[in-house]
N, C-alpha and C. Protein backbone atom coordinates (compact mmCIF):
# COMPACT_ATOMS: atom_id res chain seq x y z
N MET A 1 38.43 39.29 -12.86
CA MET A 1 36.59 39.55 -13.48
C MET A 1 36.29 39.45 -14.99
N MET A 2 37.03 41.07 -14.99
CA MET A 2 35.49 41.57 -16.51
C MET A 2 36.11 40.82 -17.94
N ALA A 3 38.23 40.16 -17.65
CA ALA A 3 38.61 39.31 -18.59
C ALA A 3 38.18 38.32 -18.85
N GLU A 4 37.46 37.20 -17.45
CA GLU A 4 36.91 36.16 -17.56
C GLU A 4 35.70 37.10 -17.86
N ARG A 5 34.90 37.58 -18.07
CA ARG A 5 33.85 37.73 -18.80
C ARG A 5 33.78 38.15 -20.20
N THR A 6 33.91 38.88 -20.25
CA THR A 6 35.14 39.41 -21.70
C THR A 6 35.32 37.94 -22.17
N GLY A 7 36.04 36.71 -21.76
CA GLY A 7 37.00 35.55 -22.56
C GLY A 7 38.14 36.35 -23.38
N VAL A 8 39.38 36.80 -22.96
CA VAL A 8 40.02 37.41 -22.77
C VAL A 8 41.21 36.90 -22.21
N GLY A 9 42.68 37.04 -22.15
CA GLY A 9 43.19 36.99 -20.91
C GLY A 9 43.89 38.23 -20.33
N LEU A 10 44.10 38.26 -19.57
CA LEU A 10 44.20 39.87 -18.44
C LEU A 10 45.48 40.72 -19.57
N ASN A 11 46.40 39.90 -20.14
CA ASN A 11 47.11 40.68 -21.02
C ASN A 11 46.42 41.35 -22.51
N THR A 12 44.98 40.99 -23.01
CA THR A 12 44.57 40.93 -24.09
C THR A 12 43.77 42.22 -22.89
N TYR A 13 42.90 42.62 -22.04
CA TYR A 13 41.83 43.71 -21.25
C TYR A 13 42.55 44.17 -20.98
N ALA A 14 44.17 44.65 -20.45
CA ALA A 14 45.24 45.05 -20.16
C ALA A 14 45.19 46.17 -21.58
N ARG A 15 45.52 45.51 -22.10
CA ARG A 15 44.96 46.38 -24.05
C ARG A 15 44.44 46.70 -24.70
N LEU A 16 42.85 46.16 -23.77
CA LEU A 16 41.72 46.84 -24.80
C LEU A 16 41.19 47.83 -23.45
N GLU A 17 40.98 47.49 -22.59
CA GLU A 17 41.10 49.20 -21.26
C GLU A 17 41.77 49.95 -21.62
N ARG A 18 43.41 49.60 -22.60
CA ARG A 18 44.69 50.58 -22.64
C ARG A 18 43.72 51.72 -24.65
N GLY A 19 42.98 51.14 -24.80
CA GLY A 19 42.77 51.11 -26.34
C GLY A 19 43.66 50.89 -27.10
N ASP A 20 44.08 49.98 -27.59
CA ASP A 20 44.97 49.31 -27.98
C ASP A 20 43.65 48.95 -29.92
N ALA A 21 44.30 49.02 -30.84
CA ALA A 21 43.79 49.43 -32.19
C ALA A 21 44.70 47.80 -32.47
N THR A 22 45.57 46.93 -32.03
CA THR A 22 46.11 45.54 -31.97
C THR A 22 44.67 44.89 -31.30
N VAL A 23 44.45 45.23 -30.84
CA VAL A 23 43.17 44.12 -29.62
C VAL A 23 41.80 43.97 -31.27
N ALA A 24 40.65 42.10 -31.27
CA ALA A 24 40.33 42.01 -31.64
C ALA A 24 38.54 42.88 -31.59
N LEU A 25 38.02 43.41 -32.26
CA LEU A 25 37.12 44.12 -32.23
C LEU A 25 36.07 43.19 -32.63
N GLY A 26 36.62 41.74 -31.91
CA GLY A 26 35.14 40.72 -31.22
C GLY A 26 35.88 40.96 -30.17
N ALA A 27 37.10 41.88 -29.07
CA ALA A 27 37.25 41.82 -27.99
C ALA A 27 36.48 42.31 -27.05
N TYR A 28 36.33 44.00 -28.48
CA TYR A 28 35.06 44.85 -27.32
C TYR A 28 34.20 44.52 -27.46
N ALA A 29 33.75 43.56 -28.76
CA ALA A 29 32.48 43.28 -28.54
C ALA A 29 32.12 43.17 -27.32
N MET A 30 32.28 42.08 -27.18
CA MET A 30 32.94 41.15 -25.96
C MET A 30 32.59 41.58 -24.38
N ALA A 31 33.31 43.05 -24.70
CA ALA A 31 34.13 43.89 -23.37
C ALA A 31 31.56 44.90 -23.59
N LEU A 32 31.34 45.35 -24.43
CA LEU A 32 30.87 45.86 -24.74
C LEU A 32 29.05 45.27 -23.97
N PHE A 33 29.21 43.93 -24.81
CA PHE A 33 27.68 42.97 -24.46
C PHE A 33 27.97 42.73 -22.82
N SER A 34 29.41 43.09 -22.35
CA SER A 34 29.25 42.72 -20.67
C SER A 34 28.63 42.90 -19.65
N LEU A 35 29.06 44.19 -20.43
CA LEU A 35 28.98 45.69 -19.84
C LEU A 35 27.18 46.47 -19.65
N GLY A 36 26.50 44.65 -20.95
CA GLY A 36 24.90 45.47 -20.88
C GLY A 36 24.79 46.15 -22.04
N PHE A 37 25.37 46.88 -23.14
CA PHE A 37 25.89 48.07 -24.28
C PHE A 37 25.68 46.86 -25.37
N GLY A 38 25.27 45.83 -24.54
CA GLY A 38 24.81 45.14 -26.34
C GLY A 38 23.61 45.80 -27.43
N PRO A 39 22.29 46.03 -27.11
CA PRO A 39 21.92 46.35 -27.99
C PRO A 39 22.00 47.73 -28.04
N VAL A 40 23.37 48.57 -27.75
CA VAL A 40 23.79 49.48 -28.34
C VAL A 40 24.46 49.63 -29.86
N LEU A 41 24.90 48.31 -29.77
CA LEU A 41 25.83 47.84 -31.31
C LEU A 41 25.18 47.07 -31.41
N GLY A 42 24.40 46.23 -31.00
CA GLY A 42 23.78 46.57 -32.38
C GLY A 42 23.44 47.04 -33.12
N ASP A 43 22.25 48.56 -32.55
CA ASP A 43 22.25 49.20 -33.53
C ASP A 43 22.57 49.52 -34.29
N LEU A 44 24.23 50.40 -33.52
CA LEU A 44 25.26 50.03 -34.23
C LEU A 44 25.52 49.30 -35.24
N ALA A 45 25.39 48.39 -35.65
CA ALA A 45 26.09 47.45 -36.62
C ALA A 45 24.54 47.14 -37.55
N ASP A 46 22.80 47.66 -37.09
CA ASP A 46 22.10 48.33 -38.34
C ASP A 46 21.93 48.56 -39.60
N VAL A 47 22.67 48.24 -40.23
CA VAL A 47 22.11 48.54 -41.68
C VAL A 47 21.41 48.43 -42.19
N ARG A 48 19.99 49.02 -41.76
CA ARG A 48 18.22 49.62 -42.04
C ARG A 48 18.55 51.30 -41.02
N GLN A 49 20.00 51.32 -41.21
CA GLN A 49 19.90 53.00 -40.34
C GLN A 49 21.41 53.10 -40.68
N ASP A 50 21.59 52.84 -42.29
CA ASP A 50 22.43 53.04 -43.12
C ASP A 50 22.27 54.23 -44.11
N ASP A 51 21.40 55.26 -43.69
CA ASP A 51 20.45 56.07 -44.87
C ASP A 51 22.07 56.21 -46.23
N LEU A 52 23.17 56.83 -46.03
CA LEU A 52 24.21 56.98 -47.23
C LEU A 52 24.68 55.26 -47.38
N GLY A 53 23.99 53.88 -47.26
CA GLY A 53 24.67 52.92 -47.50
C GLY A 53 23.76 52.10 -48.74
N LEU A 54 22.33 52.20 -47.53
CA LEU A 54 20.80 52.09 -48.59
C LEU A 54 20.80 53.12 -49.97
N GLN A 55 21.07 54.18 -49.38
CA GLN A 55 21.31 55.53 -51.41
C GLN A 55 22.38 54.69 -52.04
N LEU A 56 23.56 54.63 -51.58
CA LEU A 56 24.73 54.02 -52.11
C LEU A 56 24.24 53.12 -52.52
N GLU A 57 23.82 51.29 -52.06
CA GLU A 57 22.71 50.16 -52.95
C GLU A 57 22.09 51.08 -53.97
N GLU A 58 20.78 51.68 -53.24
CA GLU A 58 20.21 51.98 -53.84
C GLU A 58 20.65 52.02 -55.78
N ALA A 59 21.47 53.43 -55.97
CA ALA A 59 22.21 53.90 -57.12
C ALA A 59 23.18 53.01 -57.77
N ARG A 60 23.07 52.28 -56.70
CA ARG A 60 24.05 50.15 -57.61
C ARG A 60 22.69 49.42 -58.12
N LEU A 61 22.07 49.96 -57.97
CA LEU A 61 20.77 48.84 -58.83
C LEU A 61 20.48 48.81 -60.14
N PRO A 62 20.16 48.04 -60.87
CA PRO A 62 20.71 47.85 -62.78
C PRO A 62 18.59 48.60 -63.28
N ARG A 63 18.11 49.33 -63.10
CA ARG A 63 17.41 50.35 -63.96
C ARG A 63 16.97 49.58 -65.52
N ARG A 64 15.97 49.30 -65.12
CA ARG A 64 14.61 48.99 -65.65
C ARG A 64 14.34 49.55 -67.19
N VAL A 65 15.17 48.88 -68.77
CA VAL A 65 15.36 49.65 -69.87
C VAL A 65 14.18 48.90 -70.53
N ARG A 66 13.30 49.42 -71.17
CA ARG A 66 12.44 48.68 -72.22
C ARG A 66 12.33 48.66 -73.66
N ALA A 67 13.00 48.19 -74.26
CA ALA A 67 13.35 48.15 -75.98
C ALA A 67 11.77 48.27 -75.85
N ARG A 68 12.36 49.57 -77.62
CA ARG A 68 12.05 50.24 -77.50
C ARG A 68 11.24 49.20 -79.15
N GLN A 69 9.23 49.11 -79.10
CA GLN A 69 8.98 48.37 -79.17
C GLN A 69 8.81 49.06 -81.27
N SER A 70 9.36 47.49 -82.07
CA SER A 70 9.15 48.38 -83.64
C SER A 70 7.51 48.51 -84.31
N PRO A 71 7.19 49.76 -85.47
CA PRO A 71 5.73 49.92 -86.07
C PRO A 71 5.78 48.75 -85.71
N GLU A 72 5.74 47.34 -86.38
CA GLU A 72 5.37 46.31 -86.59
C GLU A 72 4.45 45.53 -86.46
N ALA A 73 5.38 45.72 -84.91
CA ALA A 73 4.94 45.21 -83.61
C ALA A 73 3.44 45.64 -82.69
N ARG A 74 3.33 46.97 -83.02
CA ARG A 74 1.68 47.54 -81.73
C ARG A 74 0.82 47.02 -82.57
């Protein structure tokens, strides 16, 4: 029944239950959605909650540098 809800074959679902690393991440995601853990998975993948990733991305942003004005331009 869970294999049908998840949309995978019985062999794949059995491997999923064993924690086989060769099972596609999508199969794990579908199993979590089938069990009602969709919002938890969504929160886990939410980039707005990745503080380190946001800090690293901010560090990569270009800094605005103003050119020095020559004394004649003032």
